[in-house]
Amino acid sequence: MEESRNFNELQELLANKQYTKLRQHLTEMNDADIAAWIEEIEEEEMLKVFRILPKDLAADVFSYLDVDIQQKIITSMSEKEAAGIIDNLMADDAADLMEEMPANIVKKILANASPETRRDINHLLRYPEDSAGSIMTVEYVDLKESSTVSEAIERIRRVGVDSETINVCYVLDAGRHLKGTVALRYLLLSDDFEVIGDIMHENVIALNTMMDQEEVARQFKKYDFTTMPVVDNENRLVGIITVDDIVDIMEEETTEDMEKMAAIVPSDKPYMKTTVWETYKKRIPWLLLLMVSATFTGAIISSFEDALSVCAVLVAYIPMLMDTGGNAGGQASVTVIRGLSLGEIDYSDVPGVLWKEIRVAVFCGLTLAAANFVKLLVFDQVTVWVALTVCLTLVAAVMMAMLIGCLLPVGAKRLGFDPAVMASPFITTIVDALSLLVYFRVATIVLGL
């Protein structure tokens, strides 16, 4: 409610053209709150607001805006104004924006940007997408081993305002090789004459520029850091990654895994900003594949038409068997995929995973079979032999589903694919076909069809 009242007040000041008062109000607000308000106002008013804001504040607010809004604002500005915004952005945010914009606009903006900005953006854009190098920032504080604490603090005062963070400083030698780190609090607590090389922390955990962003997120989680250095193959410091970037990566990777697990080609756009045609293109490939693969189920049923005509009651339990097997496989696959994603399961753990899933499958299968056996005899009033056929198949289907559900994701990762691809829809199709084969084979043996 308070936020809504503030937004209404800002809207009123903008409508009444009280720009001086509006500027004062905005400078007292949090950057993220200003961005949230800007995303609610009309497009033509956005540019007015950005011209009202001080340059540094405008750049900070700009970094919180949705990419589509950023593009609208940049393309509405003059090339000089746009370059001013880009110059004041952190290099990683600027590089992300440049990747999303048309090449002709990027060329004009960079032509008016400062040489340092052009250099930093081009440096970041040369790394593969989704690598540590592509998400790092080159704005950090570096110190010399031979510097004293007083010299280091003086350098922080000089360059820290343009750095992503000053909480941790990085100690380099003459060849820019990473030698250690020193936290700002240690500098403040140390004597002015102490040498950085004597107080720095030498056991530095660094990321490689080519490391995948998902692995980068795992490293942050493992070590519980708020910032980590990024080095090249020769251990030269080229940038840093901060935890705010990791939050975005984790959201992106989780969304991508969810889409793959639902048999949807991943999209980098929010749902409401994706057109019907784009959504169609993302969904139809897997739907076609799953539809074609499901024809095997129909072929299996057709091949046992004679048996079904003799004991037609068997048809009634086909959906239950297929759904139960698919659900069991989906549970196992989601658990294993999540374990693989978090690094909790490795290839050496496969025997243990299999043994665990076998035991779980036996318990689940027997419980479901017992409950179903009572239901078949009491409510459906089928013969004991039909009930036995259905329940034996149920146990077998659950066991097969859970084993397939845990093996396919591991196999996919081993072959270099994303384990999320082998999620519920794909596993359900396989389990359906196998369950039917087992069902009719058991029926043939038990009922003598």
Protein backbone atom coordinates (compact mmCIF):
# COMPACT_ATOMS: atom_id res chain seq x y z
CA MET A 1 0.00 0.00 0.00
CA GLU A 2 2.81 2.41 0.91
CA GLU A 3 4.59 1.69 -2.37
CA SER A 4 1.36 2.24 -4.32
CA ARG A 5 0.84 5.64 -2.67
CA ASN A 6 4.42 6.64 -3.48
CA PHE A 7 3.96 5.62 -7.10
CA ASN A 8 0.72 7.61 -7.35
CA GLU A 9 2.46 10.65 -5.93
CA LEU A 10 5.29 10.33 -8.44
CA GLN A 11 2.77 9.93 -11.27
CA GLU A 12 0.98 13.09 -10.16
CA LEU A 13 4.21 15.09 -10.06
CA LEU A 14 5.11 13.86 -13.54
CA ALA A 15 1.66 14.66 -14.93
CA ASN A 16 1.79 18.19 -13.44
CA LYS A 17 5.34 18.70 -14.83
CA GLN A 18 6.76 19.37 -11.36
CA TYR A 19 10.12 18.04 -12.47
CA THR A 20 12.26 19.61 -9.72
CA LYS A 21 10.14 18.07 -6.97
CA LEU A 22 9.98 14.78 -8.87
CA ARG A 23 13.76 14.68 -9.15
CA GLN A 24 14.08 15.29 -5.40
CA HIS A 25 11.65 12.48 -4.59
CA LEU A 26 13.41 10.07 -6.93
CA THR A 27 16.87 10.73 -5.50
CA GLU A 28 15.54 9.72 -2.07
CA MET A 29 14.21 6.38 -3.34
CA ASN A 30 15.85 2.99 -3.77
CA ASP A 31 17.14 2.27 -7.30
CA ALA A 32 15.03 -0.90 -7.66
CA ASP A 33 11.86 0.96 -6.57
CA ILE A 34 12.47 3.69 -9.15
CA ALA A 35 12.89 1.02 -11.82
CA ALA A 36 9.63 -0.66 -10.74
CA TRP A 37 7.78 2.66 -11.10
CA ILE A 38 9.33 3.43 -14.49
CA GLU A 39 8.15 0.06 -15.82
CA GLU A 40 4.56 1.07 -14.93
CA ILE A 41 4.45 4.47 -16.68
CA GLU A 42 3.80 5.21 -20.34
CA GLU A 43 6.63 4.67 -22.79
CA GLU A 44 6.93 8.33 -23.81
CA GLU A 45 7.24 9.36 -20.15
CA MET A 46 10.12 6.97 -19.46
CA LEU A 47 12.57 9.13 -21.40
CA LYS A 48 11.45 12.24 -19.51
CA VAL A 49 12.20 10.52 -16.21
CA PHE A 50 15.66 9.45 -17.34
CA ARG A 51 16.51 12.99 -18.39
CA ILE A 52 15.42 14.20 -14.95
CA LEU A 53 17.61 11.74 -13.04
CA PRO A 54 21.28 12.48 -12.28
CA LYS A 55 23.59 10.51 -14.61
CA ASP A 56 24.93 8.10 -11.98
CA LEU A 57 21.46 7.39 -10.60
CA ALA A 58 20.04 6.94 -14.11
CA ALA A 59 22.64 4.25 -14.85
CA ASP A 60 21.97 2.46 -11.55
CA VAL A 61 18.21 2.46 -12.17
CA PHE A 62 18.70 1.38 -15.78
CA SER A 63 20.47 -1.82 -14.69
CA TYR A 64 17.32 -2.92 -12.79
CA LEU A 65 14.98 -2.53 -15.76
CA ASP A 66 13.70 -5.35 -17.95
CA VAL A 67 15.74 -5.81 -21.15
CA ASP A 68 12.80 -4.79 -23.36
CA ILE A 69 12.38 -1.53 -21.42
CA GLN A 70 16.13 -0.89 -21.61
CA GLN A 71 16.04 -1.25 -25.37
CA LYS A 72 13.08 1.12 -25.72
CA ILE A 73 14.82 3.78 -23.63
CA ILE A 74 18.17 3.43 -25.40
CA THR A 75 16.62 3.58 -28.89
CA SER A 76 14.55 6.66 -27.89
CA MET A 77 17.63 8.57 -26.72
CA SER A 78 20.15 10.39 -28.83
CA GLU A 79 23.35 8.45 -29.49
CA LYS A 80 25.24 10.73 -27.10
CA GLU A 81 22.67 10.29 -24.32
CA ALA A 82 22.64 6.52 -24.82
CA ALA A 83 26.43 6.41 -24.70
CA GLY A 84 26.30 8.33 -21.42
CA ILE A 85 24.08 5.66 -19.88
CA ILE A 86 26.33 2.87 -21.21
CA ASP A 87 29.44 4.58 -19.87
CA ASN A 88 27.95 4.63 -16.36
CA LEU A 89 26.77 1.02 -16.37
CA MET A 90 28.88 -1.79 -14.97
CA ALA A 91 30.68 -3.48 -17.86
CA ASP A 92 28.85 -6.82 -17.47
CA ASP A 93 25.43 -5.11 -17.52
CA ALA A 94 26.44 -3.07 -20.56
CA ALA A 95 27.68 -6.17 -22.38
CA ASP A 96 24.41 -8.01 -21.63
CA LEU A 97 22.44 -5.12 -23.12
CA MET A 98 24.64 -4.94 -26.23
CA GLU A 99 24.06 -8.64 -26.87
CA GLU A 100 20.29 -8.07 -27.00
CA MET A 101 20.27 -5.01 -29.26
CA PRO A 102 20.42 -4.77 -33.07
CA ALA A 103 23.94 -4.54 -34.46
CA ASN A 104 23.41 -1.14 -36.14
CA ILE A 105 22.31 0.47 -32.85
CA VAL A 106 25.18 -1.15 -30.94
CA LYS A 107 27.66 0.21 -33.46
CA LYS A 108 26.33 3.78 -33.08
CA ILE A 109 26.27 3.64 -29.28
CA LEU A 110 29.79 2.23 -28.98
CA ALA A 111 31.06 4.86 -31.43
CA ASN A 112 30.01 7.53 -28.92
CA ALA A 113 31.03 5.62 -25.77
CA SER A 114 34.36 6.14 -24.04
CA PRO A 115 37.36 4.07 -25.19
CA GLU A 116 37.41 2.29 -21.81
CA THR A 117 33.76 1.28 -22.13
CA ARG A 118 34.29 -0.01 -25.68
CA ARG A 119 37.30 -2.00 -24.56
CA ASP A 120 35.52 -3.56 -21.58
CA ILE A 121 32.38 -4.47 -23.56
CA ASN A 122 34.33 -5.96 -26.47
CA HIS A 123 36.43 -7.91 -23.96
CA LEU A 124 33.31 -9.48 -22.42
CA LEU A 125 31.56 -10.15 -25.72
CA ARG A 126 34.38 -12.35 -27.01
CA TYR A 127 33.63 -15.12 -24.50
CA PRO A 128 31.14 -17.93 -25.25
CA GLU A 129 27.58 -17.38 -24.10
CA ASP A 130 26.82 -18.77 -20.61
CA SER A 131 30.53 -18.97 -19.71
CA ALA A 132 32.10 -17.34 -16.66
CA GLY A 133 33.86 -14.88 -18.97
CA SER A 134 30.57 -13.68 -20.45
CA ILE A 135 28.98 -12.86 -17.07
CA MET A 136 31.97 -11.43 -15.22
CA THR A 137 32.68 -7.74 -14.73
CA VAL A 138 36.07 -6.17 -15.34
CA GLU A 139 35.52 -3.47 -12.72
CA TYR A 140 37.38 -4.54 -9.59
CA VAL A 141 40.13 -3.26 -7.28
CA ASP A 142 43.57 -4.78 -7.82
CA LEU A 143 46.59 -4.19 -5.58
CA LYS A 144 50.33 -4.84 -5.76
CA GLU A 145 52.07 -7.25 -3.40
CA SER A 146 54.65 -4.62 -2.56
CA SER A 147 52.14 -1.90 -1.68
CA THR A 148 51.60 -0.83 1.91
CA VAL A 149 48.19 -0.76 3.57
CA SER A 150 48.03 3.05 3.37
CA GLU A 151 48.85 2.93 -0.36
CA ALA A 152 46.18 0.26 -0.88
CA ILE A 153 43.51 2.31 0.91
CA GLU A 154 44.44 5.33 -1.16
CA ARG A 155 44.04 3.28 -4.34
CA ILE A 156 40.63 2.03 -3.19
CA ARG A 157 39.53 5.63 -2.64
CA ARG A 158 40.71 6.50 -6.14
CA VAL A 159 39.24 3.61 -8.18
CA GLY A 160 36.67 2.06 -5.84
CA VAL A 161 33.80 4.29 -6.92
CA ASP A 162 33.85 2.67 -10.38
CA SER A 163 34.26 -0.89 -9.09
CA GLU A 164 31.55 -3.51 -8.72
CA THR A 165 32.67 -4.14 -5.13
CA ILE A 166 35.47 -3.09 -2.81
CA ASN A 167 34.82 -5.65 -0.07
CA VAL A 168 37.51 -7.90 -1.53
CA CYS A 169 40.61 -6.64 -3.34
CA TYR A 170 42.83 -8.81 -5.56
CA VAL A 171 46.60 -8.91 -5.26
CA LEU A 172 48.49 -9.25 -8.55
CA ASP A 173 52.13 -9.53 -9.56
CA ALA A 174 53.76 -7.62 -12.43
CA GLY A 175 52.33 -10.10 -14.96
CA ARG A 176 48.78 -9.68 -13.55
CA HIS A 177 48.84 -13.23 -12.15
CA LEU A 178 46.51 -13.64 -9.19
CA LYS A 179 48.60 -14.06 -6.03
CA GLY A 180 46.04 -13.54 -3.30
CA THR A 181 43.11 -11.56 -1.90
CA VAL A 182 42.71 -9.13 0.94
CA ALA A 183 39.40 -8.09 2.50
CA LEU A 184 38.71 -4.42 3.10
CA ARG A 185 38.16 -5.04 6.81
CA TYR A 186 41.70 -6.43 7.17
CA LEU A 187 43.08 -3.31 5.50
CA LEU A 188 41.16 -1.10 7.89
CA LEU A 189 42.33 -3.10 10.91
CA SER A 190 46.00 -3.32 9.83
CA ASP A 191 48.78 -0.80 10.44
CA ASP A 192 49.44 1.65 7.61
CA PHE A 193 53.03 0.46 7.06
CA GLU A 194 52.23 -3.25 6.72
CA VAL A 195 52.89 -4.77 3.27
CA ILE A 196 49.97 -6.28 1.32
CA GLY A 197 51.99 -9.39 0.48
CA ASP A 198 52.33 -10.15 4.22
CA ILE A 199 48.64 -9.87 5.12
CA MET A 200 46.97 -11.21 1.97
CA HIS A 201 45.13 -14.54 1.81
CA GLU A 202 47.09 -16.75 -0.60
CA ASN A 203 44.79 -19.76 -0.94
CA VAL A 204 42.52 -18.21 -3.57
CA ILE A 205 39.67 -20.14 -5.18
CA ALA A 206 39.20 -18.82 -8.71
CA LEU A 207 36.96 -19.57 -11.69
CA ASN A 208 38.16 -20.14 -15.25
CA THR A 209 36.82 -17.88 -17.98
CA MET A 210 35.45 -20.88 -19.92
CA MET A 211 33.63 -22.47 -16.95
CA ASP A 212 29.90 -22.97 -17.58
CA GLN A 213 27.68 -20.55 -15.64
CA GLU A 214 25.82 -23.45 -14.00
CA GLU A 215 29.11 -24.72 -12.56
CA VAL A 216 29.92 -21.14 -11.50
CA ALA A 217 26.68 -21.05 -9.49
CA ARG A 218 27.61 -24.36 -7.85
CA GLN A 219 31.01 -22.95 -6.83
CA PHE A 220 29.35 -19.94 -5.20
CA LYS A 221 26.99 -22.25 -3.32
CA LYS A 222 29.81 -24.56 -2.25
CA TYR A 223 32.09 -21.86 -0.87
CA ASP A 224 29.38 -19.37 0.20
CA PHE A 225 31.24 -16.40 -1.34
CA THR A 226 29.71 -13.08 -2.38
CA THR A 227 32.34 -12.54 -5.06
CA MET A 228 34.86 -14.74 -6.90
CA PRO A 229 37.76 -13.93 -9.24
CA VAL A 230 37.86 -15.14 -12.85
CA VAL A 231 41.23 -16.08 -14.35
CA ASP A 232 42.44 -17.26 -17.75
CA ASN A 233 44.42 -20.44 -18.41
CA GLU A 234 47.62 -18.73 -17.20
CA ASN A 235 46.07 -17.63 -13.89
CA ARG A 236 45.90 -13.98 -14.96
CA LEU A 237 43.02 -12.09 -13.39
CA VAL A 238 40.55 -10.90 -16.05
CA GLY A 239 37.43 -10.16 -14.01
CA ILE A 240 35.20 -10.98 -11.06
CA ILE A 241 31.69 -12.38 -10.63
CA THR A 242 29.43 -11.15 -7.83
CA VAL A 243 26.58 -12.95 -6.12
CA ASP A 244 23.88 -10.72 -7.67
CA ASP A 245 24.80 -12.18 -11.06
CA ILE A 246 24.56 -15.70 -9.60
CA VAL A 247 20.99 -15.10 -8.43
CA ASP A 248 20.02 -14.28 -12.03
CA ILE A 249 21.86 -17.35 -13.33
CA MET A 250 20.15 -19.68 -10.84
CA GLU A 251 16.74 -18.34 -11.86
CA GLU A 252 17.61 -18.72 -15.55
CA GLU A 253 18.96 -22.27 -15.16
CA THR A 254 16.01 -23.39 -13.01
CA THR A 255 13.53 -22.00 -15.56
CA GLU A 256 15.40 -23.73 -18.38
CA ASP A 257 15.37 -27.07 -16.53
CA MET A 258 11.65 -26.75 -15.80
CA GLU A 259 10.90 -26.08 -19.46
CA LYS A 260 12.98 -29.03 -20.60
CA MET A 261 11.35 -31.30 -18.04
CA ALA A 262 7.97 -30.27 -19.46
CA ALA A 263 9.19 -31.09 -23.01
CA ILE A 264 9.39 -27.44 -24.08
CA VAL A 265 12.30 -25.90 -25.97
CA PRO A 266 13.75 -23.31 -23.51
CA SER A 267 12.97 -19.64 -24.10
CA ASP A 268 14.84 -16.61 -22.80
CA LYS A 269 11.70 -14.41 -22.83
CA PRO A 270 9.07 -14.02 -20.08
CA TYR A 271 5.80 -15.84 -20.82
CA MET A 272 3.70 -12.68 -21.34
CA LYS A 273 6.27 -11.27 -23.76
CA THR A 274 6.44 -14.40 -25.90
CA THR A 275 4.19 -14.34 -28.97
CA VAL A 276 1.78 -17.14 -29.83
CA TRP A 277 3.95 -18.12 -32.79
CA GLU A 278 7.11 -18.26 -30.65
CA THR A 279 5.33 -20.34 -28.01
CA TYR A 280 4.05 -22.68 -30.72
CA LYS A 281 7.56 -23.16 -32.12
CA LYS A 282 8.93 -23.95 -28.67
CA ARG A 283 6.33 -26.62 -27.93
CA ILE A 284 5.57 -28.36 -31.23
CA PRO A 285 8.91 -30.21 -31.79
CA TRP A 286 8.60 -32.27 -28.62
CA LEU A 287 4.86 -32.75 -29.05
CA LEU A 288 5.46 -34.19 -32.52
CA LEU A 289 8.23 -36.45 -31.25
CA LEU A 290 6.17 -37.70 -28.30
CA MET A 291 3.12 -38.23 -30.51
CA VAL A 292 5.12 -40.33 -32.98
CA SER A 293 6.75 -42.32 -30.17
CA ALA A 294 3.33 -42.92 -28.59
CA THR A 295 2.22 -44.73 -31.75
CA PHE A 296 4.31 -47.66 -30.50
CA THR A 297 1.84 -47.98 -27.64
CA GLY A 298 -1.00 -48.28 -30.12
CA ALA A 299 0.92 -50.85 -32.13
CA ILE A 300 1.43 -52.99 -29.02
CA ILE A 301 -2.29 -52.91 -28.17
CA SER A 302 -3.17 -53.80 -31.77
CA SER A 303 -0.85 -56.81 -31.73
CA PHE A 304 -2.72 -58.22 -28.71
CA GLU A 305 -6.24 -57.65 -30.04
CA ASP A 306 -7.02 -61.37 -29.96
CA ALA A 307 -6.08 -61.68 -26.29
CA LEU A 308 -8.11 -58.59 -25.42
CA SER A 309 -11.16 -59.93 -27.22
CA VAL A 310 -11.04 -63.06 -25.04
CA CYS A 311 -10.67 -61.10 -21.79
CA ALA A 312 -12.01 -57.61 -22.54
CA VAL A 313 -11.85 -56.55 -18.86
CA LEU A 314 -8.08 -56.16 -19.20
CA VAL A 315 -8.58 -53.06 -21.35
CA ALA A 316 -10.10 -51.16 -18.41
CA TYR A 317 -6.83 -51.27 -16.45
CA ILE A 318 -4.47 -50.15 -19.21
CA PRO A 319 -4.75 -46.38 -18.35
CA MET A 320 -4.12 -47.04 -14.66
CA LEU A 321 -1.01 -49.13 -15.33
CA MET A 322 0.41 -46.62 -17.81
CA ASP A 323 -0.28 -43.60 -15.61
CA THR A 324 1.13 -45.23 -12.47
CA GLY A 325 4.30 -46.28 -14.29
CA GLY A 326 4.70 -42.82 -15.81
CA ASN A 327 4.20 -41.12 -12.44
CA ALA A 328 6.74 -43.42 -10.74
CA GLY A 329 9.29 -42.79 -13.49
CA GLY A 330 8.67 -39.05 -13.29
CA GLN A 331 9.29 -39.02 -9.54
CA ALA A 332 12.58 -40.89 -9.91
CA SER A 333 13.78 -38.77 -12.84
CA VAL A 334 13.03 -35.43 -11.14
CA THR A 335 14.89 -36.53 -8.00
CA VAL A 336 17.95 -37.69 -9.96
CA ILE A 337 17.94 -34.67 -12.30
CA ARG A 338 17.89 -32.33 -9.32
CA GLY A 339 20.71 -34.30 -7.67
CA LEU A 340 22.80 -34.07 -10.85
CA SER A 341 22.08 -30.36 -11.16
CA LEU A 342 23.20 -29.65 -7.59
CA GLY A 343 26.26 -31.90 -7.88
CA GLU A 344 24.90 -34.28 -5.23
CA ILE A 345 25.05 -37.26 -7.64
CA ASP A 346 28.09 -38.25 -9.69
CA TYR A 347 28.79 -41.17 -12.04
CA SER A 348 30.46 -43.06 -9.21
CA ASP A 349 27.15 -42.90 -7.30
CA VAL A 350 25.16 -44.75 -10.01
CA PRO A 351 25.34 -48.20 -8.33
CA GLY A 352 24.13 -46.71 -5.07
CA VAL A 353 21.35 -44.81 -6.84
CA LEU A 354 20.23 -47.98 -8.62
CA TRP A 355 20.21 -50.03 -5.41
CA LYS A 356 18.25 -47.34 -3.61
CA GLU A 357 15.68 -47.00 -6.41
CA ILE A 358 15.24 -50.79 -6.61
CA ARG A 359 14.36 -50.95 -2.91
CA VAL A 360 12.04 -47.94 -3.15
CA ALA A 361 10.39 -49.45 -6.25
CA VAL A 362 9.78 -52.76 -4.45
CA PHE A 363 8.15 -51.04 -1.46
CA CYS A 364 6.07 -48.70 -3.65
CA GLY A 365 5.10 -51.45 -6.09
CA LEU A 366 3.98 -53.87 -3.37
CA THR A 367 1.99 -51.19 -1.54
CA LEU A 368 0.21 -50.12 -4.73
CA ALA A 369 -0.39 -53.74 -5.75
CA ALA A 370 -1.87 -54.67 -2.36
CA ALA A 371 -4.21 -51.67 -2.37
CA ASN A 372 -5.19 -52.35 -5.95
CA PHE A 373 -5.74 -56.08 -5.32
CA VAL A 374 -8.33 -55.33 -2.62
CA LYS A 375 -10.01 -52.73 -4.83
CA LEU A 376 -10.20 -55.16 -7.79
CA LEU A 377 -11.77 -57.96 -5.74
CA VAL A 378 -14.12 -55.89 -3.57
CA PHE A 379 -15.26 -53.07 -5.86
CA ASP A 380 -14.58 -54.28 -9.41
CA GLN A 381 -15.44 -57.90 -8.55
CA VAL A 382 -13.04 -59.40 -11.08
CA THR A 383 -11.57 -62.89 -10.76
CA VAL A 384 -8.52 -63.51 -8.61
CA TRP A 385 -6.49 -64.32 -11.73
CA VAL A 386 -7.33 -61.02 -13.43
CA ALA A 387 -6.51 -59.14 -10.21
CA LEU A 388 -3.22 -61.05 -9.96
CA THR A 389 -2.37 -60.18 -13.57
CA VAL A 390 -2.99 -56.46 -13.02
CA CYS A 391 -1.11 -56.35 -9.71
CA LEU A 392 1.95 -58.26 -10.95
CA THR A 393 2.13 -55.89 -13.90
CA LEU A 394 1.80 -52.94 -11.54
CA VAL A 395 4.82 -54.07 -9.49
CA ALA A 396 6.86 -54.66 -12.65
CA ALA A 397 5.80 -51.31 -14.17
CA VAL A 398 6.78 -49.33 -11.07
CA MET A 399 10.18 -51.06 -10.87
CA MET A 400 10.92 -50.51 -14.57
CA ALA A 401 9.78 -46.90 -14.39
CA MET A 402 11.95 -46.01 -11.41
CA LEU A 403 15.02 -47.68 -12.88
CA ILE A 404 14.53 -45.98 -16.24
CA GLY A 405 13.77 -42.70 -14.49
CA CYS A 406 17.12 -42.73 -12.69
CA LEU A 407 19.26 -44.21 -15.48
CA LEU A 408 18.19 -42.04 -18.43
CA PRO A 409 19.17 -38.66 -16.87
CA VAL A 410 22.56 -40.05 -15.79
CA GLY A 411 23.09 -41.51 -19.28
CA ALA A 412 22.11 -38.22 -20.90
CA LYS A 413 24.62 -36.29 -18.83
CA ARG A 414 27.31 -38.86 -19.60
CA LEU A 415 26.70 -38.29 -23.33
CA GLY A 416 26.87 -34.52 -22.92
CA PHE A 417 23.14 -33.76 -22.99
CA ASP A 418 21.15 -31.85 -20.39
CA PRO A 419 19.64 -34.44 -17.99
CA ALA A 420 16.44 -32.40 -17.84
CA VAL A 421 15.65 -33.51 -21.40
CA MET A 422 15.08 -37.03 -20.04
CA ALA A 423 12.26 -35.96 -17.77
CA SER A 424 8.65 -37.02 -17.34
CA PRO A 425 7.22 -36.84 -20.90
CA PHE A 426 10.06 -38.82 -22.49
CA ILE A 427 10.22 -41.38 -19.69
CA THR A 428 6.43 -41.77 -19.62
CA THR A 429 6.40 -42.69 -23.30
CA ILE A 430 9.04 -45.39 -22.80
CA VAL A 431 7.43 -46.76 -19.64
CA ASP A 432 3.99 -46.88 -21.28
CA ALA A 433 5.25 -49.15 -24.05
CA LEU A 434 7.18 -51.42 -21.68
CA SER A 435 4.26 -51.63 -19.23
CA LEU A 436 1.94 -52.79 -21.98
CA LEU A 437 4.41 -55.43 -23.15
CA VAL A 438 4.73 -56.75 -19.59
CA TYR A 439 0.96 -56.56 -19.04
CA PHE A 440 0.10 -58.69 -22.04
CA ARG A 441 2.96 -61.10 -21.37
CA VAL A 442 1.79 -61.62 -17.77
CA ALA A 443 -1.80 -62.00 -18.98
CA THR A 444 -0.71 -64.62 -21.47
CA ILE A 445 1.05 -66.62 -18.75
CA VAL A 446 -1.44 -66.19 -15.88
CA LEU A 447 -4.69 -66.32 -17.85
CA GLY A 448 -3.47 -68.62 -20.60
CA LEU A 449 -4.58 -66.25 -23.39
